[in-house]
Amino acid sequence: MSSDDALARAEELLARLEATRTQLEQLSPADDADKALDILTELADLSRAVEAELQRAKSEAEAERDAQP
C-alpha cells in the first residue's frame, strides 16, 4: 500500500467518523443509552483506524523517501 492509498483510506474513515458523530448528535432524549454507547464505541474504533492509517501513510512516505537515490 502506498502512502497515497493510506491517506485515501484515512480520508474515507474520517468521513465515516463524521457521519457517525452526526448520528450521535441526532439522538433524541428518548433514544436509549445502549444506542448511544454503540455509537460511541464505533467512534472510538473509527478514531483508532484513522490513527493507524495515518501512521501507515507516514511510514510508507518515509520508506518511499528513503528508497529514492
N, C-alpha and C. Protein backbone atom coordinates (compact mmCIF):
# COMPACT_ATOMS: atom_id res chain seq x y z
N MET A 1 0.86 -1.18 0.00
CA MET A 1 0.00 0.00 0.00
C MET A 1 0.90 1.24 0.00
N SER A 2 0.60 2.19 -0.85
CA SER A 2 1.40 3.41 -0.90
C SER A 2 0.89 4.40 0.15
N SER A 3 1.68 5.44 0.35
CA SER A 3 1.26 6.46 1.31
C SER A 3 -0.01 7.15 0.82
N ASP A 4 -0.15 7.30 -0.50
CA ASP A 4 -1.37 7.90 -1.04
C ASP A 4 -2.59 7.02 -0.76
N ASP A 5 -2.42 5.70 -0.88
CA ASP A 5 -3.52 4.77 -0.58
C ASP A 5 -3.91 4.87 0.89
N ALA A 6 -2.92 4.93 1.76
CA ALA A 6 -3.20 5.02 3.19
C ALA A 6 -3.89 6.34 3.52
N LEU A 7 -3.47 7.43 2.88
CA LEU A 7 -4.13 8.71 3.12
C LEU A 7 -5.56 8.70 2.60
N ALA A 8 -5.78 8.08 1.45
CA ALA A 8 -7.14 7.98 0.91
C ALA A 8 -8.02 7.18 1.86
N ARG A 9 -7.48 6.10 2.40
CA ARG A 9 -8.23 5.28 3.36
C ARG A 9 -8.52 6.09 4.63
N ALA A 10 -7.57 6.87 5.09
CA ALA A 10 -7.78 7.71 6.27
C ALA A 10 -8.88 8.73 6.01
N GLU A 11 -8.90 9.30 4.80
CA GLU A 11 -9.95 10.26 4.46
C GLU A 11 -11.32 9.59 4.46
N GLU A 12 -11.40 8.37 3.94
CA GLU A 12 -12.67 7.62 3.96
C GLU A 12 -13.12 7.37 5.40
N LEU A 13 -12.17 6.99 6.23
CA LEU A 13 -12.50 6.73 7.63
C LEU A 13 -12.94 8.00 8.35
N LEU A 14 -12.30 9.12 8.02
CA LEU A 14 -12.70 10.40 8.62
C LEU A 14 -14.12 10.77 8.22
N ALA A 15 -14.49 10.49 6.98
CA ALA A 15 -15.86 10.75 6.54
C ALA A 15 -16.84 9.88 7.33
N ARG A 16 -16.49 8.62 7.53
CA ARG A 16 -17.34 7.73 8.34
C ARG A 16 -17.41 8.22 9.79
N LEU A 17 -16.29 8.71 10.29
CA LEU A 17 -16.25 9.23 11.66
C LEU A 17 -17.20 10.41 11.80
N GLU A 18 -17.16 11.31 10.83
CA GLU A 18 -18.04 12.48 10.86
C GLU A 18 -19.51 12.07 10.77
N ALA A 19 -19.82 11.11 9.90
CA ALA A 19 -21.21 10.64 9.77
C ALA A 19 -21.68 10.00 11.07
N THR A 20 -20.82 9.25 11.71
CA THR A 20 -21.18 8.60 12.97
C THR A 20 -21.35 9.63 14.08
N ARG A 21 -20.49 10.64 14.10
CA ARG A 21 -20.62 11.71 15.09
C ARG A 21 -21.95 12.44 14.92
N THR A 22 -22.35 12.66 13.68
CA THR A 22 -23.64 13.29 13.40
C THR A 22 -24.78 12.44 13.93
N GLN A 23 -24.66 11.11 13.77
CA GLN A 23 -25.68 10.21 14.33
C GLN A 23 -25.82 10.41 15.83
N LEU A 24 -24.69 10.52 16.50
CA LEU A 24 -24.71 10.70 17.95
C LEU A 24 -25.40 12.01 18.32
N GLU A 25 -25.09 13.07 17.57
CA GLU A 25 -25.70 14.37 17.85
C GLU A 25 -27.21 14.35 17.65
N GLN A 26 -27.68 13.49 16.74
CA GLN A 26 -29.10 13.46 16.41
C GLN A 26 -29.92 12.54 17.32
N LEU A 27 -29.27 11.89 18.25
CA LEU A 27 -30.03 11.06 19.18
C LEU A 27 -30.96 11.95 20.00
N SER A 28 -32.16 11.51 20.17
CA SER A 28 -33.12 12.26 20.98
C SER A 28 -33.05 11.74 22.41
N PRO A 29 -33.58 12.52 23.33
CA PRO A 29 -33.60 12.04 24.72
C PRO A 29 -34.33 10.71 24.88
N ALA A 30 -35.23 10.41 23.94
CA ALA A 30 -35.99 9.16 24.03
C ALA A 30 -35.15 7.96 23.60
N ASP A 31 -34.07 8.19 22.86
CA ASP A 31 -33.21 7.09 22.44
C ASP A 31 -32.52 6.50 23.67
N ASP A 32 -32.31 5.19 23.62
CA ASP A 32 -31.75 4.55 24.80
C ASP A 32 -30.23 4.70 24.89
N ALA A 33 -29.74 4.50 26.08
CA ALA A 33 -28.31 4.64 26.35
C ALA A 33 -27.49 3.60 25.60
N ASP A 34 -28.07 2.44 25.34
CA ASP A 34 -27.34 1.40 24.62
C ASP A 34 -27.00 1.86 23.20
N LYS A 35 -27.92 2.55 22.56
CA LYS A 35 -27.66 3.05 21.21
C LYS A 35 -26.55 4.09 21.24
N ALA A 36 -26.57 4.98 22.22
CA ALA A 36 -25.52 5.98 22.36
C ALA A 36 -24.17 5.31 22.61
N LEU A 37 -24.17 4.29 23.45
CA LEU A 37 -22.93 3.57 23.74
C LEU A 37 -22.39 2.87 22.50
N ASP A 38 -23.29 2.29 21.70
CA ASP A 38 -22.87 1.66 20.45
C ASP A 38 -22.22 2.67 19.51
N ILE A 39 -22.81 3.85 19.42
CA ILE A 39 -22.26 4.89 18.54
C ILE A 39 -20.91 5.37 19.08
N LEU A 40 -20.80 5.55 20.38
CA LEU A 40 -19.53 5.97 20.97
C LEU A 40 -18.44 4.92 20.75
N THR A 41 -18.81 3.66 20.84
CA THR A 41 -17.85 2.58 20.58
C THR A 41 -17.39 2.62 19.13
N GLU A 42 -18.33 2.85 18.22
CA GLU A 42 -17.97 2.95 16.81
C GLU A 42 -17.06 4.14 16.56
N LEU A 43 -17.34 5.26 17.22
CA LEU A 43 -16.48 6.43 17.08
C LEU A 43 -15.06 6.13 17.56
N ALA A 44 -14.94 5.44 18.66
CA ALA A 44 -13.62 5.08 19.18
C ALA A 44 -12.89 4.16 18.21
N ASP A 45 -13.60 3.18 17.67
CA ASP A 45 -12.99 2.25 16.71
C ASP A 45 -12.53 2.99 15.46
N LEU A 46 -13.37 3.87 14.95
CA LEU A 46 -13.00 4.63 13.76
C LEU A 46 -11.81 5.55 14.03
N SER A 47 -11.79 6.15 15.20
CA SER A 47 -10.66 7.02 15.55
C SER A 47 -9.35 6.24 15.57
N ARG A 48 -9.39 5.05 16.13
CA ARG A 48 -8.18 4.21 16.14
C ARG A 48 -7.77 3.82 14.73
N ALA A 49 -8.75 3.53 13.88
CA ALA A 49 -8.46 3.15 12.50
C ALA A 49 -7.85 4.32 11.73
N VAL A 50 -8.36 5.53 11.95
CA VAL A 50 -7.80 6.72 11.30
C VAL A 50 -6.35 6.90 11.75
N GLU A 51 -6.11 6.78 13.04
CA GLU A 51 -4.76 6.92 13.57
C GLU A 51 -3.82 5.89 12.94
N ALA A 52 -4.27 4.66 12.81
CA ALA A 52 -3.44 3.60 12.22
C ALA A 52 -3.14 3.91 10.75
N GLU A 53 -4.14 4.38 10.01
CA GLU A 53 -3.91 4.70 8.60
C GLU A 53 -2.95 5.87 8.45
N LEU A 54 -3.06 6.86 9.31
CA LEU A 54 -2.13 7.99 9.24
C LEU A 54 -0.71 7.55 9.57
N GLN A 55 -0.59 6.67 10.53
CA GLN A 55 0.74 6.14 10.87
C GLN A 55 1.29 5.33 9.70
N ARG A 56 0.42 4.54 9.06
CA ARG A 56 0.83 3.75 7.90
C ARG A 56 1.28 4.68 6.76
N ALA A 57 0.53 5.75 6.54
CA ALA A 57 0.88 6.72 5.49
C ALA A 57 2.23 7.35 5.78
N LYS A 58 2.47 7.68 7.04
CA LYS A 58 3.75 8.27 7.43
C LYS A 58 4.88 7.29 7.19
N SER A 59 4.69 6.06 7.60
CA SER A 59 5.73 5.04 7.41
C SER A 59 6.01 4.79 5.93
N GLU A 60 4.94 4.71 5.13
CA GLU A 60 5.10 4.48 3.69
C GLU A 60 5.81 5.67 3.05
N ALA A 61 5.46 6.88 3.44
CA ALA A 61 6.11 8.07 2.87
C ALA A 61 7.59 8.07 3.23
N GLU A 62 7.91 7.71 4.45
CA GLU A 62 9.32 7.65 4.85
C GLU A 62 10.06 6.57 4.07
N ALA A 63 9.43 5.42 3.86
CA ALA A 63 10.04 4.35 3.10
C ALA A 63 10.25 4.76 1.65
N GLU A 64 9.26 5.43 1.07
CA GLU A 64 9.38 5.91 -0.31
C GLU A 64 10.50 6.94 -0.42
N ARG A 65 10.58 7.81 0.58
CA ARG A 65 11.63 8.84 0.57
C ARG A 65 13.01 8.19 0.70
N ASP A 66 13.14 7.21 1.58
CA ASP A 66 14.43 6.53 1.79
C ASP A 66 14.83 5.70 0.59
N ALA A 67 13.87 5.24 -0.20
CA ALA A 67 14.17 4.40 -1.36
C ALA A 67 14.66 5.22 -2.55
N GLN A 68 14.44 6.51 -2.53
CA GLN A 68 14.87 7.36 -3.65
C GLN A 68 16.37 7.60 -3.55
N PRO A 69 17.04 7.61 -4.75
CA PRO A 69 18.50 7.82 -4.74
C PRO A 69 18.91 9.20 -4.31
